[in-house]
Protein backbone atom coordinates (compact mmCIF):
# COMPACT_ATOMS: atom_id res chain seq x y z
CA MET A 1 17.12 28.75 41.58
CA ALA A 2 18.42 29.97 44.93
CA THR A 3 16.78 28.53 48.06
CA ALA A 4 16.11 32.05 49.33
CA GLU A 5 14.22 32.92 46.16
CA PHE A 6 12.14 29.76 46.38
CA SER A 7 11.36 30.32 50.06
CA MET A 8 10.21 33.87 49.48
CA VAL A 9 7.79 33.00 46.68
CA ASP A 10 6.70 29.88 48.52
CA SER A 11 5.83 31.94 51.59
CA LEU A 12 3.94 34.46 49.46
CA LEU A 13 1.87 31.71 47.90
CA THR A 14 1.32 30.06 51.26
CA SER A 15 0.14 33.35 52.76
CA LEU A 16 -2.53 33.45 50.05
CA GLY A 17 -3.67 29.95 50.98
CA ILE A 18 -1.98 28.21 48.04
CA ARG A 19 -0.40 24.90 48.90
CA THR A 20 3.12 24.63 47.43
CA PHE A 21 6.16 22.41 47.58
CA ARG A 22 8.79 23.31 50.16
CA ALA A 23 12.34 24.07 49.08
CA THR A 24 13.70 20.59 49.60
CA ALA A 25 16.05 18.98 47.13
CA ALA A 26 13.39 16.45 46.16
CA ALA A 27 10.73 19.13 45.66
CA ALA A 28 13.11 21.28 43.64
CA LYS A 29 13.82 18.30 41.38
CA VAL A 30 10.11 17.72 40.78
CA LEU A 31 9.44 21.40 40.10
CA ARG A 32 12.43 21.68 37.81
CA GLY A 33 10.92 18.91 35.72
CA LEU A 34 7.69 20.88 35.52
CA GLY A 35 9.68 23.94 34.54
CA GLY A 36 11.14 22.37 31.43
CA ALA A 37 14.65 22.22 30.04
CA ARG A 38 17.27 24.29 31.87
CA THR A 39 19.63 24.80 28.97
CA ALA A 40 19.48 27.24 26.09
CA ARG A 41 17.73 25.89 23.03
CA LYS A 42 19.50 25.59 19.71
CA PHE A 43 19.10 28.24 17.04
CA GLN A 44 16.16 27.55 14.74
CA LYS A 45 16.34 29.11 11.30
CA GLY A 46 13.16 30.65 9.89
CA ARG A 47 11.77 29.91 6.45
CA PRO A 48 11.01 32.38 3.66
CA LYS A 49 7.57 33.89 4.11
CA GLU A 50 4.95 33.19 1.47
CA ALA A 51 3.60 36.36 -0.10
CA LYS A 52 -0.03 36.99 0.84
CA PRO A 53 -2.31 37.97 -2.06
CA SER A 54 -2.97 41.68 -2.28
CA ALA A 55 -6.52 42.87 -1.74
CA GLU A 56 -8.46 43.88 -4.83
CA LEU A 57 -9.06 47.63 -4.79
CA GLU A 58 -12.79 47.26 -5.41
CA ASP A 59 -12.98 44.95 -2.39
CA VAL A 60 -11.20 47.56 -0.27
CA GLU A 61 -13.76 50.12 -1.46
CA THR A 62 -16.57 47.87 -0.28
CA LEU A 63 -14.93 47.34 3.11
CA LEU A 64 -14.50 51.08 3.64
CA GLU A 65 -18.14 51.71 2.76
CA GLY A 66 -19.16 49.07 5.28
CA LEU A 67 -17.05 50.64 8.03
CA ASP A 68 -18.42 54.08 7.18
CA GLY A 69 -21.93 52.72 7.51
CA ARG A 70 -21.18 51.26 10.95
CA LYS A 71 -19.17 54.13 12.45
CA VAL A 72 -22.13 55.88 14.10
CA ALA A 73 -23.42 52.62 15.61
CA TRP A 74 -19.93 51.93 17.00
CA ALA A 75 -19.58 55.43 18.41
CA GLN A 76 -22.92 55.13 20.17
CA THR A 77 -22.31 51.64 21.58
CA ASP A 78 -21.93 51.95 25.34
CA ALA A 79 -18.67 51.11 27.08
CA ILE A 80 -20.02 48.01 28.85
CA LYS A 81 -21.16 46.44 25.58
CA LYS A 82 -17.78 47.24 24.01
CA ALA A 83 -16.08 45.58 26.98
CA GLU A 84 -18.14 42.45 26.33
CA TYR A 85 -17.06 42.38 22.68
CA LEU A 86 -13.43 42.85 23.63
CA GLU A 87 -13.57 40.15 26.29
CA GLU A 88 -14.85 37.76 23.60
CA CYS A 89 -11.75 38.65 21.60
CA LEU A 90 -9.52 38.12 24.63
CA LYS A 91 -10.78 34.58 25.18
CA ARG A 92 -10.05 33.77 21.54
CA MET A 93 -6.57 35.30 21.86
CA VAL A 94 -5.69 33.04 24.79
CA GLY A 95 -6.77 30.06 22.71
CA LYS A 96 -4.48 31.12 19.86
CA THR A 97 -1.34 31.46 22.00
CA ASP A 98 0.55 28.40 20.78
CA GLU A 99 -0.42 28.98 17.15
CA CYS A 100 0.83 32.59 17.24
CA ALA A 101 4.24 31.60 18.62
CA LYS A 102 4.60 28.64 16.28
CA ILE A 103 3.90 30.47 13.03
CA THR A 104 6.00 33.49 14.03
CA CYS A 105 9.05 31.38 14.90
CA GLU A 106 8.64 29.39 11.68
CA VAL A 107 9.14 32.63 9.74
CA LYS A 108 11.52 34.63 11.97
CA GLY A 109 13.46 31.81 13.61
CA ALA A 110 14.04 31.19 17.30
CA TYR A 111 16.98 31.46 19.69
CA GLU A 112 17.89 30.68 23.31
CA SER A 113 14.33 30.78 24.64
CA GLY A 114 12.76 28.77 21.82
CA GLN A 115 9.27 30.16 21.29
CA GLY A 116 9.49 32.04 24.58
CA GLU A 117 10.18 35.47 23.11
CA GLU A 118 7.13 35.33 20.85
CA LEU A 119 4.97 33.87 23.62
CA ALA A 120 5.99 36.76 25.86
CA ALA A 121 5.09 39.21 23.09
CA TRP A 122 1.66 37.62 22.80
CA SER A 123 1.21 37.87 26.56
CA SER A 124 1.63 41.64 26.31
CA CYS A 125 -1.10 41.69 23.63
CA CYS A 126 -3.43 39.93 26.04
CA TRP A 127 -2.46 42.38 28.78
CA PHE A 128 -3.30 45.40 26.60
CA VAL A 129 -6.71 43.94 25.84
CA SER A 130 -7.43 42.90 29.43
CA GLU A 131 -6.57 46.34 30.83
CA THR A 132 -8.68 48.01 28.14
CA VAL A 133 -11.63 45.84 29.17
CA LYS A 134 -11.08 47.04 32.74
CA SER A 135 -10.94 50.65 31.58
CA LEU A 136 -14.21 50.30 29.66
CA ARG A 137 -15.94 48.70 32.63
CA HIS A 138 -14.85 51.68 34.78
CA ASP A 139 -16.02 54.20 32.17
CA PHE A 140 -12.40 55.19 31.40
CA LYS A 141 -11.65 55.93 35.04
CA PRO A 142 -10.11 52.79 36.58
CA PRO A 143 -8.66 53.07 40.11
CA LEU A 144 -5.37 54.94 40.47
CA GLY A 145 -2.60 54.93 43.01
CA PRO A 146 -1.28 57.86 45.04
CA VAL A 147 -0.72 61.27 43.50
CA ARG A 148 2.32 63.36 44.47
CA THR A 149 3.55 66.80 43.56
CA VAL A 150 7.10 67.28 42.28
CA LYS A 151 8.78 70.65 42.75
CA GLY A 152 11.86 70.70 40.57
CA GLU A 153 12.67 73.16 37.80
CA GLU A 154 8.90 73.08 37.24
CA THR A 155 6.05 71.93 39.46
CA PHE A 156 3.92 69.04 38.24
CA GLU A 157 1.85 66.11 39.47
CA VAL A 158 2.75 62.43 39.27
CA VAL A 159 0.31 59.52 39.65
CA GLU A 160 1.16 55.90 40.37
CA THR A 161 -0.58 53.63 37.85
CA PHE A 162 1.32 50.34 38.19
CA PRO A 163 1.02 47.79 39.66
CA ARG A 164 -2.58 47.92 40.91
CA GLY A 165 -3.96 45.00 42.91
CA LEU A 166 -2.37 42.39 45.15
CA LEU A 167 -1.68 39.69 42.56
CA LEU A 168 -0.09 42.03 40.02
CA SER A 169 2.02 43.54 42.81
CA LEU A 170 3.26 40.06 43.70
CA VAL A 171 4.14 39.29 40.08
CA PHE A 172 6.10 42.54 39.78
CA LEU A 173 7.69 42.64 43.21
CA GLY A 174 9.48 45.92 43.84
CA MET A 175 8.36 47.65 40.63
CA LYS A 176 6.48 50.92 40.44
CA GLY A 177 5.18 52.80 37.40
CA GLU A 178 4.15 56.45 37.30
CA VAL A 179 2.63 58.82 34.78
CA TRP A 180 3.85 62.42 34.96
CA VAL A 181 1.45 65.12 33.80
CA LYS A 182 2.39 68.39 32.18
CA PRO A 183 3.42 71.30 34.41
CA GLY A 184 0.43 73.35 35.48
CA LYS A 185 -2.01 70.45 34.94
CA ARG A 186 -3.76 68.25 37.48
CA VAL A 187 -4.12 64.48 37.36
CA ARG A 188 -7.46 63.67 35.73
CA GLN A 189 -8.94 60.78 33.78
CA GLY A 190 -11.29 60.45 30.83
CA ALA A 191 -11.76 58.94 27.39
CA PRO A 192 -9.03 60.20 25.04
CA ARG A 193 -11.57 60.83 22.24
CA VAL A 194 -15.34 61.11 22.70
CA ASN A 195 -16.03 61.21 18.93
CA GLU A 196 -19.82 60.83 19.20
CA LYS A 197 -20.40 60.91 15.43
CA GLY A 198 -17.83 58.20 14.79
CA SER A 199 -15.11 58.04 12.17
CA VAL A 200 -13.19 55.59 10.00
CA TRP A 201 -9.51 55.21 10.85
CA LEU A 202 -6.81 53.50 8.84
CA VAL A 203 -4.22 51.64 10.90
CA LEU A 204 -0.96 50.98 9.09
CA GLY A 205 0.26 48.01 11.09
CA ALA A 206 3.82 47.68 12.36
CA GLY A 207 5.96 45.05 10.65
CA ASN A 208 8.29 44.10 13.48
CA GLN A 209 6.16 42.66 16.31
CA VAL A 210 2.53 41.82 16.88
CA PRO A 211 2.01 43.76 20.18
CA ALA A 212 2.26 47.05 18.28
CA VAL A 213 -0.44 45.90 15.85
CA VAL A 214 -2.81 44.68 18.56
CA GLY A 215 -2.19 47.77 20.69
CA ASP A 216 -2.96 50.07 17.76
CA ILE A 217 -6.22 48.27 16.91
CA VAL A 218 -7.40 48.43 20.51
CA HIS A 219 -6.34 52.06 20.99
CA CYS A 220 -8.00 53.37 17.84
CA MET A 221 -11.24 51.45 18.29
CA PHE A 222 -11.81 51.68 22.02
CA MET A 223 -9.94 54.80 23.12
CA CYS A 224 -10.63 56.88 19.98
CA ASN A 225 -14.09 55.41 19.31
CA SER A 226 -13.54 54.73 15.61
CA THR A 227 -14.17 51.87 13.24
CA VAL A 228 -10.87 50.61 11.84
CA ILE A 229 -9.45 49.18 8.66
CA LEU A 230 -6.10 47.56 9.43
CA LYS A 231 -3.63 47.16 6.60
CA MET A 232 -1.18 44.45 7.54
CA ASN A 233 2.46 45.16 6.81
CA PRO A 234 3.68 42.72 4.11
CA ILE A 235 6.53 41.77 6.45
CA ASN A 236 4.26 40.10 9.00
CA ASP A 237 1.01 39.64 7.10
CA PHE A 238 1.21 35.93 7.89
CA LEU A 239 -0.29 36.92 11.25
CA GLY A 240 -3.35 38.42 9.57
CA PRO A 241 -5.54 35.28 9.55
CA LEU A 242 -4.75 34.72 13.23
CA LEU A 243 -5.77 38.30 14.07
CA GLU A 244 -8.92 37.89 11.97
CA ASP A 245 -9.83 34.89 14.11
CA CYS A 246 -9.03 36.64 17.39
CA PHE A 247 -10.96 39.80 16.55
CA ASP A 248 -13.84 38.04 14.80
CA PRO A 249 -16.40 39.43 17.32
CA LEU A 250 -15.57 42.91 16.00
CA ILE A 251 -15.10 41.93 12.36
CA ARG A 252 -18.39 40.08 11.96
CA ARG A 253 -20.27 43.04 13.46
CA GLY A 254 -18.74 45.33 10.84
CA TYR A 255 -16.54 47.45 13.11
CA LEU A 256 -13.09 46.16 12.03
CA LYS A 257 -11.66 44.96 8.74
CA ILE A 258 -8.20 43.59 7.90
CA VAL A 259 -6.66 43.89 4.43
CA TYR A 260 -3.39 42.92 2.78
CA GLY A 261 -1.18 44.35 0.10
CA GLY A 262 1.70 46.61 -0.76
CA ALA A 263 2.13 50.24 -1.73
CA GLU A 264 -0.82 50.36 -4.12
CA VAL A 265 -3.33 49.27 -1.48
CA GLY A 266 -1.73 51.54 1.10
CA LYS A 267 -1.88 54.54 -1.21
CA MET A 268 -5.55 53.95 -1.95
CA LEU A 269 -6.43 53.64 1.72
CA VAL A 270 -4.48 56.74 2.72
CA ASN A 271 -6.09 58.90 0.04
CA HIS A 272 -9.59 57.46 0.12
CA ARG A 273 -12.40 59.92 0.86
CA LEU A 274 -13.84 57.62 3.56
CA THR A 275 -10.55 57.33 5.47
CA GLU A 276 -10.81 60.19 7.95
CA GLU A 277 -7.71 59.70 10.11
CA ILE A 278 -4.57 57.56 9.97
CA HIS A 279 -2.65 55.85 12.76
CA MET A 280 0.73 54.31 12.05
CA THR A 281 3.61 52.63 13.84
CA GLY A 282 6.76 52.73 11.74
CA SER A 283 9.43 55.13 10.58
CA ASP A 284 9.59 58.89 10.27
CA LYS A 285 10.32 58.43 6.57
CA THR A 286 6.92 56.78 6.07
CA PHE A 287 5.26 59.59 8.01
CA ASP A 288 6.99 62.22 5.88
CA ALA A 289 6.11 60.38 2.68
CA ILE A 290 2.43 60.47 3.63
CA THR A 291 2.21 64.01 4.97
CA TRP A 292 4.66 65.83 2.71
CA ARG A 293 4.36 63.79 -0.52
CA GLY A 294 8.04 64.28 -1.28
CA GLN A 295 7.73 68.03 -0.78
CA LYS A 296 9.09 68.37 2.76
CA PRO A 297 10.61 71.86 3.11
CA LYS A 298 14.20 72.37 4.12
CA PRO A 299 14.94 73.74 7.61
CA GLY A 300 14.26 77.47 7.67
CA SER A 301 11.79 77.36 4.81
CA LYS A 302 8.69 79.55 5.04
CA LYS A 303 6.53 76.66 3.87
CA GLN A 304 4.93 75.17 6.97
CA ASP A 305 1.76 73.32 5.99
CA PRO A 306 2.03 69.85 4.42
CA PRO A 307 -0.05 69.06 1.32
CA PHE A 308 -1.76 66.10 3.06
CA LYS A 309 -4.51 67.45 5.30
CA LYS A 310 -5.83 64.40 7.13
CA PRO A 311 -4.63 63.85 10.72
CA VAL A 312 -1.79 61.31 10.91
CA HIS A 313 -1.10 59.86 14.37
CA ALA A 314 2.34 58.27 14.52
CA GLU A 315 4.47 56.23 16.93
CA LEU A 316 7.94 56.17 15.40
CA GLY A 317 11.51 55.19 16.23
CA CYS A 318 14.35 56.44 18.40
CA VAL A 319 18.11 56.21 18.85
CA THR A 320 17.52 54.69 22.27
CA PRO A 321 20.07 55.42 25.01
CA PHE A 322 20.74 53.31 28.11
CA ILE A 323 22.40 55.60 30.67
CA ILE A 324 24.76 54.28 33.35
CA LEU A 325 25.11 56.31 36.55
CA PRO A 326 28.43 55.55 38.32
CA GLY A 327 28.52 53.67 41.60
CA ASN A 328 30.43 51.05 43.58
CA TRP A 329 28.99 47.97 41.90
CA SER A 330 29.91 44.45 42.94
CA SER A 331 31.09 41.88 40.38
CA GLU A 332 27.60 40.37 40.49
CA ASP A 333 26.07 43.81 39.89
CA LEU A 334 28.31 44.46 36.91
CA ASP A 335 27.38 41.16 35.29
CA PHE A 336 23.65 41.40 35.95
CA GLN A 337 23.22 44.96 34.71
CA ALA A 338 25.40 44.27 31.66
CA LYS A 339 23.12 41.30 30.92
CA GLN A 340 20.04 43.50 31.20
CA CYS A 341 21.52 46.01 28.79
CA VAL A 342 22.48 43.34 26.27
CA SER A 343 19.00 41.82 26.58
CA GLY A 344 17.61 45.21 25.60
CA LYS A 345 19.60 44.94 22.37
CA LEU A 346 19.00 41.27 21.55
CA HIS A 347 15.21 41.21 21.80
CA ASN A 348 13.65 40.64 18.35
CA ALA A 349 17.14 40.85 16.80
CA GLY A 350 17.30 44.57 17.56
CA HIS A 351 14.30 45.30 15.29
CA ASN A 352 12.49 47.34 17.93
CA CYS A 353 11.94 51.04 18.52
CA VAL A 354 12.89 50.31 22.16
CA ALA A 355 16.14 48.48 21.33
CA LEU A 356 19.37 49.69 22.93
CA GLU A 357 21.32 51.78 20.42
CA VAL A 358 23.70 53.83 22.58
CA LEU A 359 25.23 52.84 25.92
CA VAL A 360 26.09 56.08 27.74
CA VAL A 361 28.81 55.67 30.39
CA PRO A 362 30.99 58.01 32.50
CA GLU A 363 34.53 58.01 31.13
CA ASN A 364 36.09 58.43 34.58
CA TRP A 365 34.01 55.71 36.30
CA HIS A 366 36.46 53.37 37.97
CA LEU A 367 34.39 50.33 36.95
CA ARG A 368 33.74 51.32 33.34
CA GLU A 369 36.22 48.85 31.83
CA LYS A 370 34.94 45.98 33.97
CA PHE A 371 31.35 46.80 33.09
CA MET A 372 32.08 46.93 29.37
CA ALA A 373 33.96 43.62 29.67
CA ARG A 374 30.74 42.03 30.96
CA VAL A 375 28.76 43.62 28.13
CA GLU A 376 31.20 42.06 25.66
CA HIS A 377 30.96 38.73 27.50
CA HIS A 378 27.20 38.57 26.99
CA LEU A 379 27.40 39.71 23.38
CA GLU A 380 29.88 36.88 22.80
CA ARG A 381 27.85 34.32 24.73
CA SER A 382 24.44 35.02 23.20
CA GLN A 383 23.20 33.36 20.03
CA LYS A 384 23.60 35.49 16.91
CA ARG A 385 20.41 36.76 15.32
CA ILE A 386 19.40 37.14 11.68
CA ALA A 387 18.90 40.66 10.36
CA TRP A 388 15.52 39.57 8.99
CA TYR A 389 13.81 42.93 8.72
CA PRO A 390 14.06 44.60 5.26
CA HIS A 391 17.08 46.91 4.94
CA SER A 392 18.46 45.94 8.36
CA LYS A 393 21.38 44.07 6.79
CA ALA A 394 22.16 47.20 4.77
CA ASN A 395 22.03 49.21 8.00
CA TYR A 396 24.37 46.68 9.57
CA ASP A 397 26.86 46.98 6.71
CA ARG A 398 26.67 50.78 6.80
CA PHE A 399 27.47 50.81 10.53
CA VAL A 400 30.45 48.47 10.08
CA SER A 401 31.71 50.72 7.29
CA GLN A 402 31.32 53.82 9.46
CA PHE A 403 33.13 52.17 12.39
CA PRO A 404 35.69 49.81 10.80
CA HIS A 405 37.43 49.22 14.13
CA ALA A 406 34.24 48.16 15.90
CA LYS A 407 34.45 44.76 17.57
CA LYS A 408 32.55 41.87 15.99
CA PHE A 409 31.50 38.98 18.18
CA GLY A 410 31.92 36.14 15.74
CA SER A 411 31.54 36.17 11.97
CA PHE A 412 28.70 36.21 9.49
CA ASP A 413 27.25 32.72 8.91
CA GLU A 414 26.58 32.27 5.20
CA SER A 415 24.48 29.16 5.75
CA THR A 416 22.05 30.68 8.26
CA GLY A 417 22.33 34.43 7.72
CA GLN A 418 23.22 35.02 11.37
CA CYS A 419 25.11 38.27 11.93
CA PRO A 420 27.63 38.80 14.72
CA TRP A 421 26.85 41.50 17.24
CA VAL A 422 28.93 44.63 16.69
CA LEU A 423 30.10 47.09 19.37
CA ALA A 424 31.70 50.43 18.55
CA SER A 425 33.32 51.47 21.82
CA GLY A 426 35.24 54.51 23.05
CA LEU A 427 33.08 57.00 21.16
CA THR A 428 32.34 60.56 22.22
CA PRO A 429 29.16 62.60 21.73
CA GLU A 430 30.87 64.12 18.69
CA THR A 431 31.97 60.87 17.04
CA ALA A 432 28.87 58.74 17.74
CA SER A 433 26.30 57.89 15.10
CA SER A 434 23.38 59.82 16.54
CA SER A 435 21.12 60.89 13.69
CA GLN A 436 19.29 57.65 12.80
CA GLU A 437 18.25 54.28 14.19
CA ASN A 438 20.48 51.42 13.15
CA TRP A 439 17.61 48.91 13.63
CA CYS A 440 19.87 45.85 13.73
CA GLY A 441 22.42 44.05 15.91
CA VAL A 442 24.85 46.92 16.49
CA LEU A 443 25.42 49.27 19.42
CA GLN A 444 27.71 52.06 20.55
CA GLU A 445 29.47 52.92 23.79
CA VAL A 446 29.60 56.69 24.25
CA ARG A 447 31.81 58.03 27.04
CA ILE A 448 31.00 61.29 28.79
CA LYS A 449 33.79 63.28 30.45
CA SER A 450 32.62 64.99 33.63
CA LYS A 451 33.89 66.66 36.82
CA ASN A 452 31.34 65.09 39.16
CA LEU A 453 27.93 63.41 39.16
CA ASN A 454 26.04 66.68 38.81
CA ASP A 455 28.14 67.64 35.77
CA TYR A 456 27.68 64.15 34.31
CA VAL A 457 23.90 64.36 34.65
CA GLU A 458 23.81 67.73 32.88
CA GLN A 459 25.97 66.50 30.02
CA VAL A 460 24.00 63.28 29.65
CA ALA A 461 20.71 65.17 29.45
CA ASP A 462 22.15 67.53 26.85
CA PHE A 463 23.57 64.68 24.75
CA CYS A 464 20.40 62.58 24.85
CA ASN A 465 17.98 65.47 24.34
CA ASN A 466 19.87 67.45 21.72
CA LYS A 467 22.14 65.07 19.82
CA LEU A 468 20.44 61.67 19.77
CA TRP A 469 17.59 61.53 17.28
CA GLY A 470 14.18 60.72 18.70
CA ASP A 471 12.41 61.09 22.03
CA LEU A 472 10.52 57.82 22.53
CA SER A 473 12.19 56.03 25.44
CA CYS A 474 15.43 55.65 27.37
CA ALA A 475 16.75 53.69 30.36
CA VAL A 476 18.73 54.70 33.45
CA PHE A 477 20.72 52.24 35.57
CA VAL A 478 21.55 53.38 39.10
CA ASP A 479 22.47 51.33 42.17
CA PRO A 480 20.50 51.65 45.46
CA LYS A 481 23.26 53.50 47.33
CA THR A 482 23.57 56.11 44.59
CA GLN A 483 19.76 56.41 44.46
CA LYS A 484 19.73 57.14 48.16
CA HIS A 485 22.70 59.49 48.45
CA SER A 486 22.34 61.22 45.08
CA LYS A 487 18.56 61.45 44.90
CA ARG A 488 18.66 65.09 43.80
CA GLU A 489 20.87 64.31 40.79
CA LEU A 490 18.74 61.29 39.78
CA ASP A 491 15.47 63.20 40.09
CA HIS A 492 16.96 66.07 38.11
CA LEU A 493 18.02 63.69 35.32
CA LEU A 494 14.61 62.03 35.13
CA GLU A 495 12.95 65.43 34.96
CA LYS A 496 15.30 66.79 32.29
CA LEU A 497 15.24 63.81 29.93
CA ARG A 498 12.77 64.66 27.16
CA TYR A 499 11.50 61.15 26.46
CA GLY A 500 7.98 59.79 26.49
CA SER A 501 9.01 56.83 28.66
CA ILE A 502 11.92 56.17 31.01
CA SER A 503 12.80 52.87 32.65
CA VAL A 504 14.97 52.75 35.74
CA ASN A 505 17.04 49.56 36.24
CA CYS A 506 15.38 47.57 33.47
CA PRO A 507 15.30 47.62 29.65
CA THR A 508 12.85 49.94 27.92
CA THR A 509 11.02 46.86 26.63
CA LEU A 510 9.29 46.74 30.00
CA VAL A 511 7.81 50.24 29.75
CA PHE A 512 6.25 49.34 26.41
CA ALA A 513 4.78 46.15 27.88
CA VAL A 514 2.92 47.82 30.78
CA PRO A 515 -0.44 49.01 29.39
CA THR A 516 -1.27 51.30 32.32
CA LEU A 517 1.74 53.46 31.40
CA THR A 518 1.76 55.80 28.41
CA TRP A 519 3.68 54.92 25.26
CA GLY A 520 4.66 57.52 22.71
CA ALA A 521 7.05 60.37 22.05
CA HIS A 522 7.64 63.25 24.43
CA PRO A 523 4.97 65.89 23.70
CA GLY A 524 5.76 68.71 21.33
CA ASN A 525 6.83 67.17 18.01
CA THR A 526 5.50 68.79 14.85
CA VAL A 527 4.81 67.66 11.28
CA GLN A 528 7.89 69.66 10.27
CA ASP A 529 10.09 67.64 12.68
CA ILE A 530 8.16 64.55 13.72
CA ARG A 531 11.05 62.71 15.42
CA SER A 532 9.47 59.83 17.43
CA GLY A 533 5.92 60.80 16.60
CA ASN A 534 2.90 62.66 17.87
CA ALA A 535 0.68 59.91 19.28
CA CYS A 536 0.28 58.15 22.61
CA VAL A 537 -1.07 54.62 22.94
CA HIS A 538 -1.64 52.21 25.84
CA ASN A 539 -2.46 54.54 28.78
CA THR A 540 -5.40 52.33 29.78
CA ASN A 541 -5.89 54.45 32.92
CA CYS A 542 -6.73 57.29 30.53
CA ILE A 543 -4.56 59.95 32.17
CA GLN A 544 -5.08 63.30 30.50
CA ASP A 545 -2.35 65.89 29.80
CA HIS A 546 0.40 63.28 30.25
CA GLN A 547 4.05 64.20 29.76
CA LYS A 548 5.97 60.96 30.31
CA SER A 549 5.94 57.62 32.12
CA VAL A 550 8.64 56.34 34.46
CA LEU A 551 8.97 52.69 35.46
CA TYR A 552 11.16 51.91 38.48
CA ALA A 553 12.54 48.39 38.93
CA PRO A 554 14.55 46.95 41.81
CA TRP A 555 18.32 46.81 41.36
CA LYS A 556 18.02 43.05 41.21
CA PRO A 557 14.55 41.46 41.03
CA PRO A 558 13.74 38.70 43.53
CA ILE A 559 12.85 36.33 40.66
CA TYR A 560 15.05 35.93 37.60
CA PRO A 561 13.72 38.33 34.91
CA VAL A 562 11.74 36.92 32.01
CA TRP A 563 13.20 39.71 29.86
CA ASN A 564 16.79 38.49 30.19
CA TYR A 565 17.95 36.75 27.02
CA ASP A 566 19.17 33.64 28.88
CA ASN A 567 16.03 32.87 30.91
CA VAL A 568 15.84 29.09 30.45
CA ASN A 569 12.14 28.67 31.23
CA LEU A 570 10.67 31.52 29.23
CA GLU A 571 8.40 29.29 27.14
CA ASN A 572 6.56 27.99 30.19
CA SER A 573 6.66 31.27 32.06
CA ALA A 574 5.30 33.18 29.07
CA LYS A 575 2.38 30.78 28.73
CA GLY A 576 1.63 31.50 32.36
CA MET A 577 1.90 35.21 31.61
CA VAL A 578 -0.67 34.92 28.81
CA ASN A 579 -3.23 33.33 31.12
CA PHE A 580 -2.53 35.62 34.06
CA PHE A 581 -2.45 38.90 32.13
CA ALA A 582 -5.67 37.97 30.33
CA PHE A 583 -7.45 36.77 33.45
CA PRO A 584 -5.58 37.66 36.69
CA THR A 585 -7.10 35.00 38.94
CA LEU A 586 -5.50 33.27 41.91
CA PRO A 587 -5.01 29.93 40.09
CA ASN A 588 -3.42 31.70 37.10
CA PHE A 589 -1.14 33.60 39.45
CA ALA A 590 -0.07 30.38 41.19
CA ALA A 591 0.68 28.71 37.85
CA LEU A 592 2.75 31.69 36.68
CA ALA A 593 4.61 31.97 39.99
CA LEU A 594 5.53 28.28 39.82
CA GLN A 595 7.04 28.57 36.34
CA ALA A 596 8.80 31.86 37.09
CA LEU A 597 10.95 30.08 39.67
CA PHE A 598 12.89 28.18 37.02
CA GLY A 599 14.22 30.83 34.70
CA THR A 600 17.65 31.16 36.28
CA PRO A 601 20.32 29.76 33.92
């Protein structure tokens, strides 16, 4: 860690009355020992997952009847009492931190950060729950930041929702998150669904990472006021018993039930008379299978109404673009931003709806070749992941077949199942694979020819909006000088991009992790063309009429990012994140700040 970085955090802690070590060589040595190993951990192979017994259909019937009998009581429970229940769950979640990371890594494997990646994922679960508790205690109207009016092609209001409070601001130095509301609407807050009579919702849990599952439970129960039956995805149903323990305060009171099984159980739950609404995180193909029952009309058909009539709320995938705006970047800038982009691909082996799929760069940028060389460097340097998610290896093989000249960074390891990263470079908007997520360790470089920055921005917006499938999230990387001198072009791009979330100078993973921002597709998708979905989760500030969220990060954070793949102290930092996000006290902040100092490789 650089002395300047240490001194800055040290002075911040000191200003809050927290006694810390000074940046002497001796102190740094002591703190480094507290921070843990400073080298990347060895690859740990996962083990085959044991199949969890499927629920008996008569048992599922009984569970649904129980939830139906409790739905009115849940709907009429006041917000303060619900906050108390959820805080009970939160305390149990913190206690299950190590167990969650251990069992997940045993199945999925672990890479440079050891258990750090899964610990960080669990910290975001705790953050969702903690912010929801806050929202309930404020009757769905927690304090907001400043509101501003934007007058671009349309006029709309923007409200700052992140970070709120001194300690959170110190953890996320230089970051700012906003929620943009729809043109013609004013910023206002309120419960997303009043639902006074109650209802029974089925949650079809995501199979890739636990934050999506936890977020969906919390959203449906506390923001939509429904009792919930969660069907675990067979891919990660090993987490079910842990979630049962964490959410026991809700389960034992009859407001939440968790079941297991495959297609037969899912089909029964979807079609059951007591299941009133469905919430899912997954693929558009699953959504279409539920709503259209294999009868989806072809484009232009007069048939508009699907045979399935229940509401289906969906958060789906995206061919996620990371957009590079040209500038005079230093060698350090090129390496750091390339590392951030690669980290956005590597996380969870690319099995994320936020994972980098397409790197959009200006063809005539004088630093394009140097930037791509650093991208290749980090793909080469990083540990190779296993395509563990079902069908992802087939997606991988399909991509390699489509782009036979794509560069592979290593070779397939028969003994471990590790796949080399694959980069298809030099593509154009016409030659890129743009119609479906690859959902594995592959990415594309797409070059945009342009006359100037304004022309580049217009072409990028057209390519991302109209040719890349999905509208969930994207990222924009722009240096401070370009931000200052080309503010009009940047603002125009952010306004034109039709995505539910946009991150500036950080991977899209970060937008998903911040619960006070919205997460979901850009508004306007239909059952005929669902794209990235029709639902919005998180949004713990309960902003109504939202259009998108934008998260701004500094060009280079003052502390080495926990989201970079090579952070060498992520295990310890993530444990600090769990405690701080769950309970943002001064001691928890100090403990997190101490560990965060030692992530620099």
